[in-house]
Structure formats: structure tokens, C-alpha cells
Amino acid sequence: MKKVIKILAILSLLFILGACTTQTSGEESKVLVETDYGTITEEDLFQEVISTERGKELIQKLVYMQILEGKYEVSDKEVNQRLGDIKELAGDEDGFQMILLQQGFKDEEDLKDQIKQSLYFFKATTEGVEVSDKEINDYYAQHIDEYTEVAVSHILVDNESTAKEIKKELEKGTDFAELAIEHSTDSMTAEEGGNLGYISGKSNELDPTFLAAAMELEKDEVSDPVKTVFGYHIIKVTDRKETPLREVEDRIRQALMEKEAKPIQEILNEYNKEIEFVEEAFEEAFKEVDHVN
């Protein structure tokens, strides 16, 4: 195994080792950049790489990724599946572009490269981890709200007594939308009959108490008054959709595997023991890993 990793490391660092070769052979180092104020040679580049933290990180990345690519396979299908999850989370194209901007990715291809690297590390840290069908089924049942969307309308009022009166009117058959238009203090939704659209158990922007109450309701069910920091709500669910287990089974399996994953540092330190160094200058970059940038 050592021989394989040694060869891979050499291939990864050929352009740098060229500088070492010219230095040890007595040849003049090749000039890479020339200006009126001086030159930058391969030897200058080599010294910069081995003497800075950023340079050491670059060497680590090149070597570790070649080791991972030699040990594991990551398919385009796997990358596109993770990309699809991110796009679904973003909601629309504008949301996706915002994620790219906030996370510092140049474009979608840049993100895909990062996803591919993360999948290699995922496979390395979860090698040997097994997840049973029962564990997947149990997780799905325990987190069903995360895989459920409900169409919600609400009427917001300032006090509990008003909320109770509205609930009585609804029990008599009064139209929910009419009561929302007449009584709701939520100016954003009142004119729409209290319609909030679809929400799910992952809708973190909503008040937790409101969200929990809404997710417990069945289709066409109306809640009792629900108190939040905004006032008292009467909530109605007009539709309920659950994502089938078969559509989220792979995501659940990955989530459960990640819980049992080995620390990345442990994996990298094991790789360090297998590497033979052609050039001693590189050894500093592969001392015991105590953190991952």
C-alpha cells in the first residue's frame, strides 16, 4: 500500500518536485515570472509552498484527494443527487444563486467539485458503517414532520377571548376566509383569507409553537386558540402531503451513517502513516492532523 500512495503523491506534486530536481542537480532554477524588478523561479515557488500554512494545505489537499480517489468511487449520479438536495432547499433559482454567493462558490460547477470532495470524505469516514431498514423506518416515523407539507391558513387576534369567539363561529359553519378578512390582525395574510401557503416541519422561519400546532392538524381540521409571541391564532390545515419513504430513503441512510462516522482527523492520520516522502521538506505538512480546515 505504501508504494501506491508514494507514487500518487509524486504525481500530485510533479510541478513542485521539478524545483527540487534542478536544485539538487546544480542546474539553475527555471524562471516562471520576469519583471523589471526581478524574477520568480521554480525554487521561489517551492520555498513559498513548503514554508506557508496555505502551501501546506495545498499539498495536503492534492495528496489526500488522490489517495481518496484511489480508494473510493464517486459517481456523477451521487453528486447530482446532493446538488438536487441543495437546490430543493434553496427553493428556486434566485435562492440557489444566493447560496452560491453566500458560500463563496463561483458557479454551479465549483459547488459540484466541492460536493464531490465531500462525498469522498463521507465514504472514507463511513466505511464499514451499516444501517438497517428498521433504523431507516424508525427515523422516518420519528421525523415525519420533516417529510410532510401542510397548506395552512390562520386568523391572528390580540386576545384569547376573541380567538374563542371566532372558533365558535367556525363551528357554526361560518367561512374561515371571511372571518380572517374581518378579524385577523396579520395584514400580510388577512386579505387572502389567512392563507400562509405550504409549510413543513423544516420551516424554521415560523414560530415553533405555531409550527408544532399546525403540523399536528389533519386536513380540514381547525385548532383551538394557539398562543405565540404575536398573539392568539386559529389555525386551519386545508391540505396535507407526505413525501413517501422511498423518495427520502437514501437521504435518511446518509444521515444515519454520518452519526456513526469516524473523525476525519483519524482517517487522515492513518493515511499519513502510509505515505513515503521523496522530499523531506514535505514531511512537515503531514504531521499528525489535529484539525481540518
Protein backbone atom coordinates (compact mmCIF):
# COMPACT_ATOMS: atom_id res chain seq x y z
CA MET A 1 0.00 0.00 0.00
CA LYS A 2 2.85 2.41 0.78
CA LYS A 3 4.20 2.14 -2.73
CA VAL A 4 0.88 3.12 -4.31
CA ILE A 5 0.46 6.20 -2.13
CA LYS A 6 4.09 7.18 -2.70
CA ILE A 7 3.55 7.15 -6.46
CA LEU A 8 0.31 9.10 -6.18
CA ALA A 9 1.99 11.74 -4.02
CA ILE A 10 4.79 12.11 -6.56
CA LEU A 11 2.30 12.56 -9.42
CA SER A 12 0.39 15.18 -7.44
CA LEU A 13 3.49 17.22 -6.74
CA LEU A 14 5.41 16.91 -10.01
CA PHE A 15 5.42 20.61 -10.72
CA ILE A 16 6.88 21.33 -7.28
CA LEU A 17 9.39 18.50 -7.30
CA GLY A 18 10.75 19.90 -10.55
CA ALA A 19 12.19 22.70 -8.44
CA CYS A 20 13.89 20.21 -6.11
CA THR A 21 15.38 18.36 -9.05
CA THR A 22 17.01 21.43 -10.53
CA GLN A 23 18.26 22.50 -7.11
CA THR A 24 19.92 19.18 -6.25
CA SER A 25 21.35 18.73 -9.73
CA GLY A 26 23.07 22.09 -9.66
CA GLU A 27 21.03 23.42 -12.58
CA GLU A 28 19.68 26.95 -12.48
CA SER A 29 16.05 27.04 -11.37
CA LYS A 30 13.61 27.78 -14.18
CA VAL A 31 12.24 31.33 -14.29
CA LEU A 32 8.43 31.38 -14.09
CA VAL A 33 7.76 35.15 -13.96
CA GLU A 34 10.01 38.00 -15.04
CA THR A 35 9.51 41.73 -14.42
CA ASP A 36 11.66 44.87 -14.49
CA TYR A 37 12.11 44.43 -10.74
CA GLY A 38 13.17 40.80 -10.59
CA THR A 39 12.16 37.22 -11.31
CA ILE A 40 10.25 34.38 -9.67
CA THR A 41 11.71 30.92 -10.18
CA GLU A 42 10.51 27.39 -9.55
CA GLU A 43 12.72 27.39 -6.46
CA ASP A 44 10.99 30.53 -5.17
CA LEU A 45 7.62 28.86 -5.67
CA PHE A 46 8.82 25.71 -3.96
CA GLN A 47 10.05 27.61 -0.90
CA GLU A 48 6.81 29.58 -0.70
CA VAL A 49 4.73 26.40 -0.79
CA ILE A 50 6.65 24.48 1.85
CA SER A 51 7.08 27.45 4.22
CA THR A 52 3.48 28.74 4.45
CA GLU A 53 0.35 27.26 6.00
CA ARG A 54 -1.56 27.86 2.79
CA GLY A 55 1.09 25.98 0.85
CA LYS A 56 0.97 23.05 3.26
CA GLU A 57 -2.82 22.95 2.94
CA LEU A 58 -2.45 22.80 -0.85
CA ILE A 59 -0.04 19.87 -0.62
CA GLN A 60 -2.32 18.07 1.82
CA LYS A 61 -5.33 18.55 -0.44
CA LEU A 62 -3.51 17.26 -3.52
CA VAL A 63 -2.21 14.14 -1.79
CA TYR A 64 -5.26 13.28 0.30
CA MET A 65 -7.62 13.68 -2.65
CA GLN A 66 -5.53 11.37 -4.83
CA ILE A 67 -5.47 8.78 -2.05
CA LEU A 68 -9.26 9.04 -1.66
CA GLU A 69 -9.81 8.85 -5.42
CA GLY A 70 -7.68 5.71 -5.49
CA LYS A 71 -9.63 4.05 -2.67
CA TYR A 72 -13.23 5.07 -3.46
CA GLU A 73 -15.54 5.91 -6.34
CA VAL A 74 -17.95 8.84 -6.52
CA SER A 75 -20.40 8.84 -9.42
CA ASP A 76 -21.97 11.79 -11.23
CA LYS A 77 -25.33 10.45 -10.04
CA GLU A 78 -24.28 10.80 -6.40
CA VAL A 79 -23.01 14.34 -6.95
CA ASN A 80 -26.16 15.38 -8.79
CA GLN A 81 -28.34 13.89 -6.04
CA ARG A 82 -26.61 16.06 -3.40
CA LEU A 83 -26.83 19.06 -5.75
CA GLY A 84 -30.57 18.41 -6.15
CA ASP A 85 -30.99 18.39 -2.36
CA ILE A 86 -29.32 21.80 -2.14
CA LYS A 87 -31.48 23.22 -4.93
CA GLU A 88 -34.60 21.88 -3.23
CA LEU A 89 -33.52 23.57 -0.01
CA ALA A 90 -32.90 26.83 -1.91
CA GLY A 91 -36.46 26.80 -3.25
CA ASP A 92 -35.85 28.49 -6.60
CA GLU A 93 -33.05 29.69 -8.88
CA ASP A 94 -32.68 33.01 -7.06
CA GLY A 95 -32.35 31.17 -3.76
CA PHE A 96 -29.78 28.81 -5.26
CA GLN A 97 -27.71 31.70 -6.62
CA MET A 98 -27.84 33.31 -3.19
CA ILE A 99 -26.44 30.13 -1.62
CA LEU A 100 -23.59 30.10 -4.16
CA LEU A 101 -22.80 33.73 -3.36
CA GLN A 102 -23.00 33.34 0.42
CA GLN A 103 -20.82 30.21 0.43
CA GLY A 104 -18.21 31.69 -1.92
CA PHE A 105 -18.73 29.41 -4.93
CA LYS A 106 -18.02 30.85 -8.38
CA ASP A 107 -20.75 28.83 -10.08
CA GLU A 108 -22.61 25.52 -10.02
CA GLU A 109 -19.58 23.57 -11.28
CA ASP A 110 -17.49 24.94 -8.42
CA LEU A 111 -20.13 23.71 -5.97
CA LYS A 112 -20.22 20.30 -7.65
CA ASP A 113 -16.46 19.98 -7.21
CA GLN A 114 -16.87 20.66 -3.50
CA ILE A 115 -19.74 18.16 -3.27
CA LYS A 116 -17.58 15.51 -4.92
CA GLN A 117 -14.74 16.10 -2.46
CA SER A 118 -17.15 15.91 0.49
CA LEU A 119 -18.54 12.61 -0.82
CA TYR A 120 -15.04 11.10 -0.93
CA PHE A 121 -14.55 12.06 2.72
CA PHE A 122 -18.03 10.75 3.54
CA LYS A 123 -17.15 7.36 2.08
CA ALA A 124 -13.82 7.27 3.90
CA THR A 125 -15.28 8.15 7.30
CA THR A 126 -18.30 5.85 6.99
CA GLU A 127 -16.57 2.80 5.50
CA GLY A 128 -17.96 -0.28 7.23
CA VAL A 129 -20.95 1.55 8.73
CA GLU A 130 -24.21 -0.34 8.13
CA VAL A 131 -27.75 0.98 8.52
CA SER A 132 -30.69 -1.41 8.70
CA ASP A 133 -34.11 -0.98 7.09
CA LYS A 134 -35.61 -0.86 10.59
CA GLU A 135 -33.38 2.07 11.55
CA ILE A 136 -34.45 3.91 8.41
CA ASN A 137 -38.15 3.21 9.01
CA ASP A 138 -37.88 4.30 12.65
CA TYR A 139 -36.11 7.53 11.72
CA TYR A 140 -38.74 8.31 9.08
CA ALA A 141 -41.57 7.76 11.56
CA GLN A 142 -39.89 9.85 14.26
CA HIS A 143 -39.19 12.74 11.87
CA ILE A 144 -42.34 12.53 9.75
CA ASP A 145 -42.94 16.29 10.09
CA GLU A 146 -39.75 16.90 8.13
CA TYR A 147 -41.21 14.96 5.23
CA THR A 148 -44.71 16.46 5.45
CA GLU A 149 -46.10 19.66 3.96
CA VAL A 150 -49.36 21.21 5.08
CA ALA A 151 -51.34 24.06 3.49
CA VAL A 152 -52.15 26.43 6.35
CA SER A 153 -54.45 29.39 6.92
CA HIS A 154 -54.70 31.31 10.17
CA ILE A 155 -56.57 34.07 11.93
CA LEU A 156 -54.47 36.16 14.32
CA VAL A 157 -56.08 38.20 17.10
CA ASP A 158 -54.83 40.03 20.18
CA ASN A 159 -56.62 38.13 22.96
CA GLU A 160 -57.82 34.64 23.80
CA SER A 161 -61.49 35.57 24.27
CA THR A 162 -61.71 36.88 20.69
CA ALA A 163 -60.00 33.73 19.42
CA LYS A 164 -62.52 31.55 21.25
CA GLU A 165 -65.43 33.51 19.77
CA ILE A 166 -64.01 33.00 16.28
CA LYS A 167 -63.64 29.27 16.93
CA LYS A 168 -67.34 29.15 17.91
CA GLU A 169 -68.28 30.94 14.68
CA LEU A 170 -66.31 28.39 12.69
CA GLU A 171 -68.08 25.53 14.47
CA LYS A 172 -71.39 27.09 13.37
CA GLY A 173 -70.20 26.90 9.75
CA THR A 174 -69.00 30.46 9.14
CA ASP A 175 -66.46 30.66 6.33
CA PHE A 176 -62.85 30.73 7.58
CA ALA A 177 -61.65 33.16 4.91
CA GLU A 178 -64.44 35.63 5.70
CA LEU A 179 -63.55 35.62 9.39
CA ALA A 180 -59.87 36.09 8.56
CA ILE A 181 -60.65 39.13 6.40
CA GLU A 182 -62.84 40.59 9.13
CA HIS A 183 -60.81 39.84 12.25
CA SER A 184 -57.19 38.89 11.55
CA THR A 185 -54.52 41.37 12.61
CA ASP A 186 -51.99 39.78 10.25
CA SER A 187 -52.08 42.36 7.47
CA MET A 188 -49.92 40.19 5.22
CA THR A 189 -52.46 37.35 5.01
CA ALA A 190 -55.84 38.72 6.12
CA GLU A 191 -56.94 39.84 2.65
CA GLU A 192 -56.01 36.36 1.35
CA GLY A 193 -58.32 34.71 3.84
CA GLY A 194 -55.43 33.98 6.19
CA ASN A 195 -53.61 31.81 3.63
CA LEU A 196 -49.95 31.11 4.54
CA GLY A 197 -49.33 28.56 1.80
CA TYR A 198 -47.48 25.30 2.40
CA ILE A 199 -45.19 24.83 5.38
CA SER A 200 -43.28 21.83 6.73
CA GLY A 201 -41.57 20.71 9.90
CA LYS A 202 -38.39 22.27 8.46
CA SER A 203 -39.94 25.77 8.22
CA ASN A 204 -37.56 27.37 10.72
CA GLU A 205 -38.79 30.89 9.99
CA LEU A 206 -42.10 30.19 11.76
CA ASP A 207 -42.80 30.45 15.47
CA PRO A 208 -42.06 26.96 16.93
CA THR A 209 -45.34 26.84 18.88
CA PHE A 210 -47.35 27.77 15.79
CA LEU A 211 -45.45 25.26 13.66
CA ALA A 212 -45.95 22.39 16.12
CA ALA A 213 -49.69 23.08 16.38
CA ALA A 214 -50.10 23.28 12.59
CA MET A 215 -48.22 20.05 11.93
CA GLU A 216 -50.47 18.12 14.32
CA LEU A 217 -53.66 19.02 12.44
CA GLU A 218 -55.28 16.74 9.88
CA LYS A 219 -56.70 18.03 6.61
CA ASP A 220 -59.67 20.41 7.17
CA GLU A 221 -59.09 20.39 10.94
CA VAL A 222 -59.18 23.68 12.89
CA SER A 223 -57.14 24.27 16.03
CA ASP A 224 -58.14 25.71 19.37
CA PRO A 225 -56.55 29.11 20.13
CA VAL A 226 -52.74 28.86 19.94
CA LYS A 227 -50.74 31.46 21.86
CA THR A 228 -47.45 32.79 20.44
CA VAL A 229 -45.47 35.99 20.87
CA PHE A 230 -47.64 37.52 18.12
CA GLY A 231 -50.99 36.88 19.81
CA TYR A 232 -53.60 34.12 19.51
CA HIS A 233 -54.02 32.07 16.34
CA ILE A 234 -56.83 29.94 14.99
CA ILE A 235 -55.14 27.59 12.52
CA LYS A 236 -56.70 25.55 9.73
CA VAL A 237 -54.99 22.94 7.57
CA THR A 238 -56.52 22.71 4.09
CA ASP A 239 -54.17 20.12 2.59
CA ARG A 240 -51.57 17.63 3.80
CA LYS A 241 -48.86 15.93 1.71
CA GLU A 242 -46.34 13.36 2.95
CA THR A 243 -43.20 12.53 0.98
CA PRO A 244 -43.06 8.71 0.56
CA LEU A 245 -40.24 6.91 2.35
CA ARG A 246 -38.86 5.59 -0.94
CA GLU A 247 -38.09 9.16 -2.06
CA VAL A 248 -36.06 10.05 1.05
CA GLU A 249 -34.62 6.66 1.99
CA ASP A 250 -31.14 7.45 0.65
CA ARG A 251 -31.00 10.79 2.49
CA ILE A 252 -32.01 9.11 5.75
CA ARG A 253 -29.41 6.38 5.27
CA GLN A 254 -26.71 9.03 4.76
CA ALA A 255 -27.84 10.96 7.84
CA LEU A 256 -27.70 7.83 10.00
CA MET A 257 -24.31 6.84 8.60
CA GLU A 258 -22.91 10.30 9.35
CA LYS A 259 -23.84 9.83 13.01
CA GLU A 260 -21.51 6.80 13.14
CA ALA A 261 -18.74 8.34 11.01
CA LYS A 262 -15.14 8.30 12.18
CA PRO A 263 -13.48 11.70 12.74
CA ILE A 264 -11.79 12.98 9.58
CA GLN A 265 -8.60 13.57 11.58
CA GLU A 266 -8.43 9.86 12.41
CA ILE A 267 -8.67 8.90 8.74
CA LEU A 268 -6.02 11.40 7.63
CA ASN A 269 -3.60 10.34 10.34
CA GLU A 270 -3.95 6.75 9.15
CA TYR A 271 -3.11 7.89 5.62
CA ASN A 272 -0.07 9.77 6.93
CA LYS A 273 1.39 6.51 8.24
CA GLU A 274 1.24 5.01 4.74
CA ILE A 275 2.96 7.85 2.87
CA GLU A 276 6.64 7.67 1.92
CA PHE A 277 8.27 11.04 1.31
CA VAL A 278 10.63 11.54 -1.61
CA GLU A 279 11.44 15.04 -0.36
CA GLU A 280 11.86 15.65 3.39
CA ALA A 281 10.53 19.20 3.02
CA PHE A 282 7.03 17.77 2.61
CA GLU A 283 7.01 15.84 5.88
CA GLU A 284 6.06 18.93 7.89
CA ALA A 285 2.75 19.14 6.02
CA PHE A 286 1.82 15.59 7.05
CA LYS A 287 2.49 15.57 10.76
CA GLU A 288 -0.36 14.37 12.95
CA VAL A 289 -3.59 16.11 11.99
CA ASP A 290 -5.37 17.67 14.98
CA HIS A 291 -7.85 19.74 13.00
CA VAL A 292 -9.25 20.05 9.49
CA ASN A 293 -9.60 23.44 7.80
